[in-house]
C-alpha atoms as a PDB file:
ATOM      1  CA  MET A   1       0.000   0.000   0.000  1.00  0.00           C
ATOM      2  CA  ASN A   2       1.519   3.320  -1.061  1.00  0.00           C
ATOM      3  CA  ARG A   3       1.362   6.544   0.918  1.00  0.00           C
ATOM      4  CA  LYS A   4      -1.577   7.978  -1.036  1.00  0.00           C
ATOM      5  CA  GLN A   5      -3.688   4.850  -0.527  1.00  0.00           C
ATOM      6  CA  ALA A   6      -2.846   4.771   3.173  1.00  0.00           C
ATOM      7  CA  TYR A   7      -3.866   8.418   3.543  1.00  0.00           C
ATOM      8  CA  ARG A   8      -7.130   7.772   1.676  1.00  0.00           C
ATOM      9  CA  ARG A   9      -7.882   4.815   3.926  1.00  0.00           C
ATOM     10  CA  ILE A  10      -7.270   6.901   7.045  1.00  0.00           C
ATOM     11  CA  GLU A  11      -9.546   9.667   5.765  1.00  0.00           C
ATOM     12  CA  ILE A  12     -12.330   7.181   4.969  1.00  0.00           C
ATOM     13  CA  THR A  13     -12.021   5.774   8.502  1.00  0.00           C
ATOM     14  CA  ARG A  14     -12.263   9.281   9.938  1.00  0.00           C
ATOM     15  CA  ILE A  15     -15.345  10.076   7.870  1.00  0.00           C
ATOM     16  CA  ILE A  16     -17.005   6.871   9.095  1.00  0.00           C
ATOM     17  CA  MET A  17     -16.174   7.854  12.688  1.00  0.00           C
ATOM     18  CA  ILE A  18     -17.736  11.291  12.199  1.00  0.00           C
ATOM     19  CA  ALA A  19     -20.861   9.767  10.598  1.00  0.00           C
ATOM     20  CA  ILE A  20     -21.353   7.284  13.448  1.00  0.00           C
ATOM     21  CA  GLY A  21     -20.694  10.085  15.929  1.00  0.00           C
ATOM     22  CA  ILE A  22     -23.391  12.268  14.379  1.00  0.00           C
ATOM     23  CA  VAL A  23     -25.965   9.463  14.583  1.00  0.00           C
ATOM     24  CA  SER A  24     -24.994   8.678  18.197  1.00  0.00           C
ATOM     25  CA  ALA A  25     -25.198  12.338  19.259  1.00  0.00           C
ATOM     26  CA  ALA A  26     -28.572  12.783  17.533  1.00  0.00           C
ATOM     27  CA  PHE A  27     -29.887   9.618  19.207  1.00  0.00           C
ATOM     28  CA  GLY A  28     -28.736  10.824  22.622  1.00  0.00           C
ATOM     29  CA  LEU A  29     -30.402  14.186  22.082  1.00  0.00           C
ATOM     30  CA  LYS A  30     -33.739  13.131  20.581  1.00  0.00           C
ATOM     31  CA  GLY A  31     -34.060   9.744  22.270  1.00  0.00           C
ATOM     32  CA  PHE A  32     -33.194  10.905  25.792  1.00  0.00           C
ATOM     33  CA  LEU A  33     -32.360  14.534  26.539  1.00  0.00           C
ATOM     34  CA  ILE A  34     -34.745  16.710  24.523  1.00  0.00           C
ATOM     35  CA  PRO A  35     -38.016  14.909  25.442  1.00  0.00           C
ATOM     36  CA  ASN A  36     -37.075  15.037  29.149  1.00  0.00           C
ATOM     37  CA  GLU A  37     -35.827  18.661  29.034  1.00  0.00           C
ATOM     38  CA  PHE A  38     -32.317  17.757  30.156  1.00  0.00           C
ATOM     39  CA  ILE A  39     -29.285  19.693  28.965  1.00  0.00           C
ATOM     40  CA  ASP A  40     -25.569  19.077  28.646  1.00  0.00           C
ATOM     41  CA  GLY A  41     -22.598  21.385  29.027  1.00  0.00           C
ATOM     42  CA  GLY A  42     -20.931  23.434  26.326  1.00  0.00           C
ATOM     43  CA  VAL A  43     -22.462  24.638  23.077  1.00  0.00           C
ATOM     44  CA  THR A  44     -24.855  21.686  22.994  1.00  0.00           C
ATOM     45  CA  GLY A  45     -26.053  22.591  26.471  1.00  0.00           C
ATOM     46  CA  ILE A  46     -26.586  26.226  25.476  1.00  0.00           C
ATOM     47  CA  SER A  47     -28.601  25.089  22.457  1.00  0.00           C
ATOM     48  CA  LEU A  48     -30.720  22.716  24.565  1.00  0.00           C
ATOM     49  CA  LEU A  49     -31.301  25.408  27.191  1.00  0.00           C
ATOM     50  CA  ILE A  50     -32.418  28.029  24.678  1.00  0.00           C
ATOM     51  CA  SER A  51     -34.619  25.452  22.958  1.00  0.00           C
ATOM     52  CA  SER A  52     -36.273  24.528  26.278  1.00  0.00           C
ATOM     53  CA  ILE A  53     -36.933  28.171  27.131  1.00  0.00           C
ATOM     54  CA  THR A  54     -38.019  29.482  23.715  1.00  0.00           C
ATOM     55  CA  GLY A  55     -39.240  26.374  21.894  1.00  0.00           C
ATOM     56  CA  TRP A  56     -36.944  27.092  18.927  1.00  0.00           C
ATOM     57  CA  PRO A  57     -35.768  24.010  16.982  1.00  0.00           C
ATOM     58  CA  ILE A  58     -32.618  22.497  18.435  1.00  0.00           C
ATOM     59  CA  SER A  59     -31.279  21.759  14.940  1.00  0.00           C
ATOM     60  CA  ILE A  60     -31.208  25.444  13.989  1.00  0.00           C
ATOM     61  CA  LEU A  61     -29.762  26.536  17.340  1.00  0.00           C
ATOM     62  CA  ILE A  62     -26.888  24.035  17.196  1.00  0.00           C
ATOM     63  CA  LEU A  63     -25.952  25.274  13.734  1.00  0.00           C
ATOM     64  CA  ILE A  64     -26.190  28.992  14.536  1.00  0.00           C
ATOM     65  CA  ILE A  65     -24.426  28.879  17.911  1.00  0.00           C
ATOM     66  CA  ASN A  66     -21.555  26.795  16.535  1.00  0.00           C
ATOM     67  CA  ILE A  67     -20.791  29.214  13.665  1.00  0.00           C
ATOM     68  CA  PRO A  68     -18.408  31.419  15.735  1.00  0.00           C
ATOM     69  CA  PHE A  69     -16.576  28.307  16.924  1.00  0.00           C
ATOM     70  CA  ILE A  70     -16.140  27.077  13.361  1.00  0.00           C
ATOM     71  CA  TRP A  71     -14.460  30.381  12.614  1.00  0.00           C
ATOM     72  CA  LEU A  72     -12.223  29.904  15.685  1.00  0.00           C
ATOM     73  CA  GLY A  73     -11.316  26.443  14.375  1.00  0.00           C
ATOM     74  CA  TYR A  74     -10.310  27.979  11.064  1.00  0.00           C
ATOM     75  CA  LYS A  75      -8.141  30.603  12.786  1.00  0.00           C
ATOM     76  CA  ARG A  76      -6.580  28.404  15.474  1.00  0.00           C
ATOM     77  CA  ILE A  77      -6.210  25.062  13.653  1.00  0.00           C
ATOM     78  CA  ASP A  78      -6.603  24.944   9.861  1.00  0.00           C
ATOM     79  CA  LYS A  79      -8.994  25.176   6.943  1.00  0.00           C
ATOM     80  CA  LEU A  80      -9.548  21.408   6.615  1.00  0.00           C
ATOM     81  CA  PHE A  81     -10.558  21.149  10.273  1.00  0.00           C
ATOM     82  CA  ALA A  82     -13.028  24.023   9.855  1.00  0.00           C
ATOM     83  CA  ILE A  83     -14.553  22.430   6.734  1.00  0.00           C
ATOM     84  CA  LYS A  84     -14.935  19.071   8.471  1.00  0.00           C
ATOM     85  CA  THR A  85     -16.475  20.731  11.520  1.00  0.00           C
ATOM     86  CA  LEU A  86     -18.910  22.782   9.451  1.00  0.00           C
ATOM     87  CA  THR A  87     -19.947  19.702   7.478  1.00  0.00           C
ATOM     88  CA  ALA A  88     -20.397  17.606  10.626  1.00  0.00           C
ATOM     89  CA  ILE A  89     -22.516  20.250  12.348  1.00  0.00           C
ATOM     90  CA  VAL A  90     -24.681  20.827   9.259  1.00  0.00           C
ATOM     91  CA  VAL A  91     -25.276  17.071   8.911  1.00  0.00           C
ATOM     92  CA  LEU A  92     -26.079  16.827  12.639  1.00  0.00           C
ATOM     93  CA  ALA A  93     -28.592  19.661  12.290  1.00  0.00           C
ATOM     94  CA  LEU A  94     -30.210  17.933   9.289  1.00  0.00           C
ATOM     95  CA  VAL A  95     -30.418  14.613  11.148  1.00  0.00           C
ATOM     96  CA  LEU A  96     -32.012  16.305  14.145  1.00  0.00           C
ATOM     97  CA  TYR A  97     -34.505  18.086  11.906  1.00  0.00           C
ATOM     98  CA  PHE A  98     -35.533  15.258   9.564  1.00  0.00           C
ATOM     99  CA  VAL A  99     -34.903  12.003  11.440  1.00  0.00           C
ATOM    100  CA  SER A 100     -37.242  10.817  14.178  1.00  0.00           C
ATOM    101  CA  PHE A 101     -35.934   8.817  17.139  1.00  0.00           C
ATOM    102  CA  PRO A 102     -38.173   7.001  19.621  1.00  0.00           C
ATOM    103  CA  LEU A 103     -38.367   8.168  23.231  1.00  0.00           C
ATOM    104  CA  ILE A 104     -36.362   5.505  25.030  1.00  0.00           C
ATOM    105  CA  THR A 105     -37.267   6.230  28.654  1.00  0.00           C
ATOM    106  CA  LYS A 106     -38.776   8.823  30.967  1.00  0.00           C
ATOM    107  CA  ASP A 107     -36.724   7.681  33.935  1.00  0.00           C
ATOM    108  CA  LYS A 108     -34.603  10.667  34.943  1.00  0.00           C
ATOM    109  CA  LEU A 109     -31.551   8.726  36.048  1.00  0.00           C
ATOM    110  CA  LEU A 110     -31.480   6.563  32.913  1.00  0.00           C
ATOM    111  CA  THR A 111     -31.998   9.653  30.778  1.00  0.00           C
ATOM    112  CA  ALA A 112     -29.085  11.464  32.413  1.00  0.00           C
ATOM    113  CA  VAL A 113     -26.675   8.540  32.216  1.00  0.00           C
ATOM    114  CA  PHE A 114     -27.480   7.113  28.785  1.00  0.00           C
ATOM    115  CA  GLY A 115     -28.293  10.452  27.179  1.00  0.00           C
ATOM    116  CA  GLY A 116     -24.860  11.650  28.272  1.00  0.00           C
ATOM    117  CA  PHE A 117     -23.283   8.393  27.131  1.00  0.00           C
ATOM    118  CA  PHE A 118     -24.644   8.531  23.565  1.00  0.00           C
ATOM    119  CA  LEU A 119     -24.002  12.264  23.252  1.00  0.00           C
ATOM    120  CA  GLY A 120     -20.455  11.859  24.590  1.00  0.00           C
ATOM    121  CA  THR A 121     -19.848   8.952  22.232  1.00  0.00           C
ATOM    122  CA  GLY A 122     -20.935  11.133  19.311  1.00  0.00           C
ATOM    123  CA  ILE A 123     -18.750  14.063  20.312  1.00  0.00           C
ATOM    124  CA  GLY A 124     -15.771  11.775  20.986  1.00  0.00           C
ATOM    125  CA  LEU A 125     -16.035   9.957  17.651  1.00  0.00           C
ATOM    126  CA  ALA A 126     -16.300  13.268  15.818  1.00  0.00           C
ATOM    127  CA  MET A 127     -13.115  14.419  17.557  1.00  0.00           C
ATOM    128  CA  ARG A 128     -11.341  11.185  16.625  1.00  0.00           C
ATOM    129  CA  GLY A 129     -12.441  11.835  13.051  1.00  0.00           C
ATOM    130  CA  GLY A 130     -10.800  15.280  13.013  1.00  0.00           C
ATOM    131  CA  SER A 131     -13.760  17.576  13.675  1.00  0.00           C
ATOM    132  CA  VAL A 132     -15.985  18.759  16.507  1.00  0.00           C
ATOM    133  CA  ILE A 133     -19.741  19.017  16.918  1.00  0.00           C
ATOM    134  CA  ASP A 134     -19.432  21.050  20.119  1.00  0.00           C
ATOM    135  CA  GLY A 135     -17.212  24.106  20.019  1.00  0.00           C
ATOM    136  CA  THR A 136     -16.589  24.644  23.740  1.00  0.00           C
ATOM    137  CA  GLU A 137     -13.020  23.333  23.596  1.00  0.00           C
ATOM    138  CA  LEU A 138     -12.207  25.701  20.733  1.00  0.00           C
ATOM    139  CA  LEU A 139     -13.452  28.642  22.803  1.00  0.00           C
ATOM    140  CA  ALA A 140     -11.353  27.512  25.756  1.00  0.00           C
ATOM    141  CA  VAL A 141      -8.251  27.188  23.563  1.00  0.00           C
ATOM    142  CA  TYR A 142      -8.868  30.718  22.222  1.00  0.00           C
ATOM    143  CA  ILE A 143      -9.353  32.249  25.696  1.00  0.00           C
ATOM    144  CA  ASN A 144      -6.481  30.365  27.361  1.00  0.00           C
ATOM    145  CA  PRO A 145      -3.535  32.567  26.191  1.00  0.00           C
ATOM    146  CA  HIS A 146      -5.355  35.648  27.518  1.00  0.00           C
ATOM    147  CA  SER A 147      -6.341  34.149  30.878  1.00  0.00           C
ATOM    148  CA  VAL A 148      -4.702  32.817  34.045  1.00  0.00           C
ATOM    149  CA  LEU A 149      -7.027  29.803  33.876  1.00  0.00           C
ATOM    150  CA  SER A 150      -6.174  26.505  32.228  1.00  0.00           C
ATOM    151  CA  ILE A 151      -8.269  25.105  29.368  1.00  0.00           C
ATOM    152  CA  GLY A 152      -9.989  22.687  31.742  1.00  0.00           C
ATOM    153  CA  GLN A 153     -10.769  25.468  34.213  1.00  0.00           C
ATOM    154  CA  ILE A 154     -12.205  27.665  31.448  1.00  0.00           C
ATOM    155  CA  ILE A 155     -14.511  24.845  30.319  1.00  0.00           C
ATOM    156  CA  LEU A 156     -15.559  24.306  33.943  1.00  0.00           C
ATOM    157  CA  VAL A 157     -16.404  28.008  34.409  1.00  0.00           C
ATOM    158  CA  ILE A 158     -18.447  28.024  31.187  1.00  0.00           C
ATOM    159  CA  ASN A 159     -20.414  24.983  32.295  1.00  0.00           C
ATOM    160  CA  ILE A 160     -21.014  26.327  35.802  1.00  0.00           C
ATOM    161  CA  PHE A 161     -22.545  29.402  34.164  1.00  0.00           C
ATOM    162  CA  ILE A 162     -24.722  27.229  31.890  1.00  0.00           C
ATOM    163  CA  PHE A 163     -25.980  25.021  34.719  1.00  0.00           C
ATOM    164  CA  GLY A 164     -26.613  28.069  36.909  1.00  0.00           C
ATOM    165  CA  ILE A 165     -28.939  29.483  34.255  1.00  0.00           C
ATOM    166  CA  ALA A 166     -30.522  26.040  33.828  1.00  0.00           C
ATOM    167  CA  ALA A 167     -31.273  25.898  37.558  1.00  0.00           C
ATOM    168  CA  PHE A 168     -33.051  29.261  37.320  1.00  0.00           C
ATOM    169  CA  PHE A 169     -35.198  28.422  34.272  1.00  0.00           C
ATOM    170  CA  LEU A 170     -35.621  24.638  34.488  1.00  0.00           C
ATOM    171  CA  GLY A 171     -35.441  24.095  38.252  1.00  0.00           C
ATOM    172  CA  ILE A 172     -32.789  22.770  40.608  1.00  0.00           C
ATOM    173  CA  GLU A 173     -33.658  19.096  40.087  1.00  0.00           C
ATOM    174  CA  SER A 174     -33.447  19.301  36.313  1.00  0.00           C
ATOM    175  CA  ALA A 175     -30.143  21.183  36.565  1.00  0.00           C
ATOM    176  CA  LEU A 176     -28.697  18.523  38.897  1.00  0.00           C
ATOM    177  CA  TYR A 177     -29.677  15.729  36.516  1.00  0.00           C
ATOM    178  CA  SER A 178     -28.180  17.776  33.688  1.00  0.00           C
ATOM    179  CA  ILE A 179     -24.883  17.939  35.583  1.00  0.00           C
ATOM    180  CA  LEU A 180     -24.991  14.146  35.787  1.00  0.00           C
ATOM    181  CA  THR A 181     -25.579  14.084  32.021  1.00  0.00           C
ATOM    182  CA  TYR A 182     -22.542  16.326  31.527  1.00  0.00           C
ATOM    183  CA  LEU A 183     -20.351  14.083  33.719  1.00  0.00           C
ATOM    184  CA  ALA A 184     -21.458  10.960  31.822  1.00  0.00           C
ATOM    185  CA  ALA A 185     -20.793  12.670  28.484  1.00  0.00           C
ATOM    186  CA  THR A 186     -17.392  13.991  29.584  1.00  0.00           C
ATOM    187  CA  GLN A 187     -16.205  10.608  30.841  1.00  0.00           C
ATOM    188  CA  THR A 188     -17.362   8.936  27.638  1.00  0.00           C
ATOM    189  CA  ILE A 189     -15.546  11.538  25.512  1.00  0.00           C
ATOM    190  CA  ASN A 190     -12.353  10.891  27.491  1.00  0.00           C
ATOM    191  CA  TYR A 191     -12.617   7.155  26.860  1.00  0.00           C
ATOM    192  CA  ILE A 192     -13.321   7.610  23.150  1.00  0.00           C
ATOM    193  CA  VAL A 193     -10.582  10.193  22.538  1.00  0.00           C
ATOM    194  CA  GLN A 194      -7.865   8.811  24.832  1.00  0.00           C
ATOM    195  CA  GLY A 195      -8.714   5.121  24.503  1.00  0.00           C
ATOM    196  CA  PHE A 196      -9.940   2.539  26.963  1.00  0.00           C
ATOM    197  CA  ASP A 197      -6.471   1.247  27.780  1.00  0.00           C
ATOM    198  CA  GLU A 198      -5.333   4.386  29.660  1.00  0.00           C
ATOM    199  CA  TYR A 199      -1.632   4.012  28.998  1.00  0.00           C
ATOM    200  CA  THR A 200       0.933   4.642  31.713  1.00  0.00           C
ATOM    201  CA  SER A 201       4.535   5.709  31.304  1.00  0.00           C
ATOM    202  CA  VAL A 202       6.882   3.988  33.757  1.00  0.00           C
ATOM    203  CA  THR A 203      10.345   5.392  34.537  1.00  0.00           C
ATOM    204  CA  ILE A 204      12.784   3.095  36.348  1.00  0.00           C
ATOM    205  CA  VAL A 205      16.116   4.112  37.904  1.00  0.00           C
ATOM    206  CA  SER A 206      18.246   1.246  39.176  1.00  0.00           C
ATOM    207  CA  PRO A 207      21.895   0.128  39.150  1.00  0.00           C
ATOM    208  CA  LYS A 208      20.558  -3.172  37.748  1.00  0.00           C
ATOM    209  CA  SER A 209      19.101  -1.402  34.726  1.00  0.00           C
ATOM    210  CA  GLU A 210      20.592  -3.819  32.194  1.00  0.00           C
ATOM    211  CA  LEU A 211      18.880  -6.825  33.793  1.00  0.00           C
ATOM    212  CA  ILE A 212      15.583  -4.905  34.140  1.00  0.00           C
ATOM    213  CA  LYS A 213      15.758  -3.835  30.495  1.00  0.00           C
ATOM    214  CA  ASN A 214      16.265  -7.430  29.337  1.00  0.00           C
ATOM    215  CA  VAL A 215      13.347  -8.679  31.432  1.00  0.00           C
ATOM    216  CA  ILE A 216      10.997  -5.984  30.056  1.00  0.00           C
ATOM    217  CA  MET A 217      12.010  -6.643  26.450  1.00  0.00           C
ATOM    218  CA  ARG A 218      12.404 -10.441  26.391  1.00  0.00           C
ATOM    219  CA  HIS A 219       9.932 -11.667  29.011  1.00  0.00           C
ATOM    220  CA  LEU A 220       7.326  -8.902  29.165  1.00  0.00           C
ATOM    221  CA  HIS A 221       7.528  -8.148  25.422  1.00  0.00           C
ATOM    222  CA  ARG A 222       7.562  -4.377  25.785  1.00  0.00           C
ATOM    223  CA  GLY A 223       9.728  -1.754  24.165  1.00  0.00           C
ATOM    224  CA  VAL A 224      11.993   0.447  26.267  1.00  0.00           C
ATOM    225  CA  THR A 225      13.835   3.726  25.834  1.00  0.00           C
ATOM    226  CA  VAL A 226      17.073   4.196  27.765  1.00  0.00           C
ATOM    227  CA  TYR A 227      18.417   7.584  28.867  1.00  0.00           C
ATOM    228  CA  LYS A 228      21.879   8.151  30.250  1.00  0.00           C
ATOM    229  CA  GLY A 229      21.632   9.809  33.658  1.00  0.00           C
ATOM    230  CA  GLU A 230      23.522  10.596  36.834  1.00  0.00           C
ATOM    231  CA  ARG A 231      22.316   9.551  40.252  1.00  0.00           C
ATOM    232  CA  GLY A 232      22.386  11.765  43.293  1.00  0.00           C
ATOM    233  CA  PHE A 233      20.267  12.288  46.396  1.00  0.00           C
ATOM    234  CA  GLY A 234      20.834  14.341  49.535  1.00  0.00           C
ATOM    235  CA  LYS A 235      24.382  14.450  50.873  1.00  0.00           C
ATOM    236  CA  THR A 236      25.017  10.740  50.397  1.00  0.00           C
ATOM    237  CA  GLU A 237      28.138   9.933  48.444  1.00  0.00           C
ATOM    238  CA  ILE A 238      27.644   7.502  45.557  1.00  0.00           C
ATOM    239  CA  GLU A 239      30.607   5.583  44.197  1.00  0.00           C
ATOM    240  CA  GLU A 240      29.130   5.208  40.703  1.00  0.00           C
ATOM    241  CA  LYS A 241      26.883   8.074  39.649  1.00  0.00           C
ATOM    242  CA  GLN A 242      26.259   7.047  36.046  1.00  0.00           C
ATOM    243  CA  VAL A 243      23.045   5.104  35.563  1.00  0.00           C
ATOM    244  CA  ASP A 244      20.725   4.059  32.747  1.00  0.00           C
ATOM    245  CA  ILE A 245      17.179   5.446  33.119  1.00  0.00           C
ATOM    246  CA  ILE A 246      14.604   3.092  31.606  1.00  0.00           C
ATOM    247  CA  VAL A 247      11.296   4.384  30.235  1.00  0.00           C
ATOM    248  CA  THR A 248       8.519   2.106  28.993  1.00  0.00           C
ATOM    249  CA  VAL A 249       4.817   2.587  28.234  1.00  0.00           C
ATOM    250  CA  ILE A 250       2.224  -0.031  29.203  1.00  0.00           C
ATOM    251  CA  THR A 251      -1.497  -0.209  29.900  1.00  0.00           C
ATOM    252  CA  ARG A 252      -2.767   0.690  33.341  1.00  0.00           C
ATOM    253  CA  LEU A 253      -3.798  -2.914  34.015  1.00  0.00           C
ATOM    254  CA  ASP A 254      -0.216  -4.100  33.515  1.00  0.00           C
ATOM    255  CA  VAL A 255       1.477  -1.628  35.867  1.00  0.00           C
ATOM    256  CA  GLN A 256       1.430  -3.774  39.002  1.00  0.00           C
ATOM    257  CA  ARG A 257       2.800  -6.819  37.189  1.00  0.00           C
ATOM    258  CA  LEU A 258       5.656  -4.769  35.775  1.00  0.00           C
ATOM    259  CA  VAL A 259       6.424  -3.209  39.181  1.00  0.00           C
ATOM    260  CA  ALA A 260       6.453  -6.665  40.800  1.00  0.00           C
ATOM    261  CA  ARG A 261       8.962  -7.931  38.222  1.00  0.00           C
ATOM    262  CA  VAL A 262      11.223  -4.914  38.726  1.00  0.00           C
ATOM    263  CA  GLN A 263      11.136  -5.237  42.522  1.00  0.00           C
ATOM    264  CA  GLN A 264      12.102  -8.899  42.248  1.00  0.00           C
ATOM    265  CA  ILE A 265      15.273  -7.759  40.507  1.00  0.00           C
ATOM    266  CA  ASP A 266      15.944  -4.662  42.635  1.00  0.00           C
ATOM    267  CA  PRO A 267      13.764  -4.006  45.716  1.00  0.00           C
ATOM    268  CA  ASN A 268      15.249  -0.508  45.976  1.00  0.00           C
ATOM    269  CA  ALA A 269      14.565   0.518  42.363  1.00  0.00           C
ATOM    270  CA  PHE A 270      13.191   4.038  41.962  1.00  0.00           C
ATOM    271  CA  ILE A 271       9.933   3.785  39.950  1.00  0.00           C
ATOM    272  CA  ILE A 272       7.802   6.659  38.639  1.00  0.00           C
ATOM    273  CA  THR A 273       4.444   6.226  36.852  1.00  0.00           C
ATOM    274  CA  ASN A 274       2.641   8.877  34.808  1.00  0.00           C
ATOM    275  CA  SER A 275      -0.643   8.795  32.900  1.00  0.00           C
ATOM    276  CA  VAL A 276      -0.317   9.083  29.104  1.00  0.00           C
ATOM    277  CA  THR A 277      -3.146  10.497  26.986  1.00  0.00           C
ATOM    278  CA  GLU A 278      -2.176   8.974  23.632  1.00  0.00           C
ATOM    279  CA  VAL A 279       0.357   6.495  22.279  1.00  0.00           C
ATOM    280  CA  ARG A 280       1.172   5.546  18.699  1.00  0.00           C
ATOM    281  CA  GLY A 281       3.579   2.932  17.396  1.00  0.00           C
ATOM    282  CA  GLY A 282       6.027   0.900  19.438  1.00  0.00           C
ATOM    283  CA  LEU A 283       5.294  -2.409  21.155  1.00  0.00           C
ATOM    284  CA  ILE A 284       2.274  -1.269  23.163  1.00  0.00           C
ATOM    285  CA  LYS A 285      -0.349  -3.697  21.895  1.00  0.00           C
ATOM    286  CA  ARG A 286       1.676  -6.800  21.162  1.00  0.00           C
ATOM    287  CA  GLN A 287       0.513  -9.206  23.867  1.00  0.00           C
ATOM    288  CA  PRO A 288      -0.376  -9.133  27.572  1.00  0.00           C
ATOM    289  CA  LEU A 289       2.370  -9.111  30.156  1.00  0.00           C
ATOM    290  CA  ALA A 290       3.415 -12.501  31.429  1.00  0.00           C
ATOM    291  CA  HIS A 291       2.718 -13.334  35.051  1.00  0.00           C
END
């Protein structure tokens, strides 16, 4: 497969992701949230809130309110991203307007959880496909350089404002269930975008680094990166300061097995673990760690 064919295949996969995401988001909205007057955070939440108050069609509101964020995407990212986002939002608006979905349940807890799940799945798949159908993150990225707040804090402030207004117009109970919807959607987006494996980077410092490296590569079937470092702590004198620093990336479920293997070799090994949002390439998904 040449480079052009590989690129075309990737783009087709991304388009399929966006299409499935649009259907999932529309199902979450019309099958759960809209009939029960629940809202979500972000631009979608603003659209749902205005629709609940005024009775205006949600399809038109989602399209109109997202227009400024499409422009931000064009300015902050690139033209292709803006075109994909515009197309995805227009298609979502058309699906919401023309396609009917059955009301799945009137139970408030089920509505909050599964409405958030399907909406979050839709937003997450659209993001994996290279577009967005909710422009809140783009607004946060735009505000961030001009604010002391982080992107996550900006999104939180925006959503607190949205849910505060929802509590005033829709009632406290509806606003609380809407917060649950937002949490379900956010967690689902994180899983879709970052992956279910939740990779962890493990850094190991030990004078027995060569033996540890061989065990990780040959017995645990994982790739390693080795940095040359110099040990030193407190006022303790160390005869040999040079040390190899081993870095490997594994799934969260495999961390304890790896740590146990390392401690068998060197009980005093210095081990650091860090969460990793995305990993590509390497020997991450070869086979599970051996016991």
